Amino acid sequence: MEVSYSAFYAWIKTTEDTDKKILKKQLETKAVQLFEENKKIYGSRRLSEALIKEDFQVGRYKAKQLMKKLGLKPRYPKRFKVTTDSNHNDAISPNLLNRKFDVTMPNKVWTLEGWLYVAVVIDLFSRQVVGWSIDDHMRTSLCVNALQMAFWRRKPEYYY
């Protein structure tokens, strides 16, 4: 065939390299696919087990290297935290309001409406509150409404 030894061995090495590159690319594709299919929560152990089930011989540390190379960072779901303790000996407050919302005098009945956000505009000279706004969100409109109230109440000639 009149081929030098070095050319023959270089040719053998390139075919092995291309086969390895193809297998490596398939492995990376499958790893990303499995990671995405499982809501990005798989760590190296689960990923290696899933790849073994897909006939890729990958250990835990190889899976860890693969995840690092591909930038796959698992998101761990927050654990459920119990905040209510029904098993206690504390006194339970009676329901005095009993869904009667018609009140005849101020400061007799107060109810909790949930989270509220307050924006306040204070005059630095007099230290008085000149504008405020209350809402169930913390968007720009909350502050804008407080500023509009301050301008409406004080009607300044100039401002900075």
Protein backbone atom coordinates (compact mmCIF):
# COMPACT_ATOMS: atom_id res chain seq x y z
CA MET A 1 0.00 0.00 0.00
CA GLU A 2 3.11 2.17 0.20
CA VAL A 3 1.99 4.07 3.32
CA SER A 4 4.42 5.07 6.01
CA TYR A 5 4.07 3.60 9.48
CA SER A 6 3.46 7.00 11.05
CA ALA A 7 0.68 7.83 8.57
CA PHE A 8 -1.00 4.46 9.24
CA TYR A 9 -0.92 4.93 13.00
CA ALA A 10 -2.09 8.55 12.69
CA TRP A 11 -5.04 7.33 10.59
CA ILE A 12 -5.96 4.70 13.19
CA LYS A 13 -5.76 7.29 15.95
CA THR A 14 -8.02 9.75 14.09
CA THR A 15 -10.76 7.15 13.59
CA GLU A 16 -10.64 6.32 17.30
CA ASP A 17 -10.73 10.02 18.14
CA THR A 18 -13.74 10.66 15.92
CA ASP A 19 -15.58 7.70 17.46
CA LYS A 20 -14.80 9.02 20.94
CA LYS A 21 -15.93 12.50 19.95
CA ILE A 22 -19.23 11.14 18.61
CA LEU A 23 -19.84 9.13 21.80
CA LYS A 24 -18.88 12.12 23.93
CA LYS A 25 -21.29 14.37 22.02
CA GLN A 26 -24.09 11.80 22.40
CA LEU A 27 -23.36 11.56 26.13
CA GLU A 28 -23.46 15.34 26.55
CA THR A 29 -26.72 15.60 24.59
CA LYS A 30 -28.34 12.83 26.63
CA ALA A 31 -27.13 14.34 29.91
CA VAL A 32 -28.64 17.73 29.06
CA GLN A 33 -31.87 16.06 27.92
CA LEU A 34 -32.21 14.04 31.15
CA PHE A 35 -31.36 17.07 33.26
CA GLU A 36 -34.01 19.21 31.52
CA GLU A 37 -36.65 16.45 31.59
CA ASN A 38 -36.28 16.14 35.36
CA LYS A 39 -36.87 19.84 36.08
CA LYS A 40 -33.17 20.60 36.60
CA ILE A 41 -33.08 18.89 40.00
CA TYR A 42 -30.77 15.96 39.18
CA GLY A 43 -27.38 16.00 40.86
CA SER A 44 -24.40 13.90 39.76
CA ARG A 45 -25.63 10.72 41.47
CA ARG A 46 -29.08 10.75 39.94
CA LEU A 47 -27.72 11.81 36.58
CA SER A 48 -25.18 8.98 36.52
CA GLU A 49 -27.92 6.47 37.43
CA ALA A 50 -30.17 7.82 34.68
CA LEU A 51 -27.32 7.67 32.15
CA ILE A 52 -26.55 4.07 33.13
CA LYS A 53 -30.21 3.20 32.48
CA GLU A 54 -29.75 4.75 29.03
CA ASP A 55 -26.72 2.46 28.39
CA PHE A 56 -24.00 5.06 29.00
CA GLN A 57 -21.36 3.79 31.41
CA VAL A 58 -20.84 6.89 33.53
CA GLY A 59 -19.87 6.97 37.18
CA ARG A 60 -20.76 9.62 39.70
CA TYR A 61 -17.53 11.59 39.36
CA LYS A 62 -17.65 11.51 35.57
CA ALA A 63 -21.23 12.80 35.76
CA LYS A 64 -20.04 15.54 38.11
CA GLN A 65 -17.33 16.59 35.64
CA LEU A 66 -19.85 16.46 32.81
CA MET A 67 -22.31 18.66 34.69
CA LYS A 68 -19.57 21.17 35.48
CA LYS A 69 -18.46 21.26 31.84
CA LEU A 70 -22.02 21.73 30.56
CA GLY A 71 -22.93 24.26 33.25
CA LEU A 72 -25.73 22.12 34.70
CA LYS A 73 -26.45 23.30 38.23
CA PRO A 74 -29.26 21.53 40.05
CA ARG A 75 -32.00 23.52 41.72
CA TYR A 76 -32.94 21.97 45.01
CA PRO A 77 -36.61 22.48 45.86
CA LYS A 78 -37.31 24.31 49.09
CA ARG A 79 -38.46 22.01 51.82
CA PHE A 80 -41.95 22.50 53.17
CA LYS A 81 -41.84 24.24 56.52
CA VAL A 82 -44.75 23.78 58.88
CA THR A 83 -45.72 27.11 60.42
CA THR A 84 -48.97 26.14 62.13
CA ASP A 85 -48.94 24.25 65.40
CA SER A 86 -52.42 22.94 66.17
CA ASN A 87 -51.25 20.76 69.06
CA HIS A 88 -50.87 23.31 71.84
CA ASN A 89 -52.42 24.16 75.17
CA ASP A 90 -52.61 27.90 74.54
CA ALA A 91 -55.92 29.69 74.82
CA ILE A 92 -57.82 30.05 71.55
CA SER A 93 -59.36 33.48 71.04
CA PRO A 94 -63.11 33.50 70.47
CA ASN A 95 -64.64 34.79 67.24
CA LEU A 96 -66.18 38.00 68.58
CA LEU A 97 -66.89 39.57 65.19
CA ASN A 98 -68.83 36.54 63.91
CA ARG A 99 -68.91 38.04 60.38
CA LYS A 100 -70.86 41.14 61.46
CA PHE A 101 -69.16 43.88 59.47
CA ASP A 102 -71.61 46.74 60.14
CA VAL A 103 -69.92 48.87 62.79
CA THR A 104 -71.46 52.02 64.31
CA MET A 105 -68.42 53.55 66.08
CA PRO A 106 -64.78 54.03 65.06
CA ASN A 107 -61.97 52.01 66.66
CA LYS A 108 -64.28 49.24 67.84
CA VAL A 109 -63.45 46.56 65.24
CA TRP A 110 -60.21 46.13 63.34
CA THR A 111 -59.50 43.38 60.82
CA LEU A 112 -56.35 42.18 59.16
CA GLU A 113 -56.45 42.52 55.40
CA GLY A 114 -53.12 40.83 54.65
CA TRP A 115 -49.91 42.48 53.49
CA LEU A 116 -50.04 46.19 52.69
CA TYR A 117 -47.23 48.45 51.50
CA VAL A 118 -46.97 52.11 52.45
CA ALA A 119 -45.07 54.87 50.65
CA VAL A 120 -44.64 58.12 52.60
CA VAL A 121 -43.44 61.58 51.52
CA ILE A 122 -42.08 63.68 54.40
CA ASP A 123 -41.33 67.42 54.34
CA LEU A 124 -37.76 67.68 55.65
CA PHE A 125 -38.31 71.16 57.09
CA SER A 126 -41.41 70.50 59.17
CA ARG A 127 -40.96 66.72 59.48
CA GLN A 128 -44.62 66.31 58.58
CA VAL A 129 -46.05 63.60 56.38
CA VAL A 130 -47.35 65.42 53.31
CA GLY A 131 -48.23 62.47 51.10
CA TRP A 132 -48.82 58.76 51.40
CA SER A 133 -50.09 55.80 49.46
CA ILE A 134 -51.14 52.31 50.54
CA ASP A 135 -51.50 49.31 48.23
CA ASP A 136 -51.13 45.54 48.11
CA HIS A 137 -48.08 45.73 45.83
CA MET A 138 -44.73 47.48 45.79
CA ARG A 139 -44.62 48.85 42.25
CA THR A 140 -43.66 52.30 41.00
CA SER A 141 -47.26 53.49 41.05
CA LEU A 142 -47.23 53.27 44.87
CA CYS A 143 -44.50 55.94 45.12
CA VAL A 144 -45.96 58.03 42.29
CA ASN A 145 -49.34 58.18 44.06
CA ALA A 146 -47.65 59.32 47.28
CA LEU A 147 -45.80 62.09 45.41
CA GLN A 148 -48.99 63.18 43.64
CA MET A 149 -50.77 63.48 46.99
CA ALA A 150 -47.89 65.55 48.38
CA PHE A 151 -48.02 67.94 45.39
CA TRP A 152 -51.81 68.15 45.57
CA ARG A 153 -51.79 68.95 49.32
CA ARG A 154 -48.84 71.40 49.43
CA LYS A 155 -48.74 72.85 45.88
CA PRO A 156 -45.02 73.74 46.01
CA GLU A 157 -43.69 76.62 43.87
CA TYR A 158 -40.44 74.86 43.04
CA TYR A 159 -38.82 71.50 43.78
CA TYR A 160 -35.46 69.84 43.34
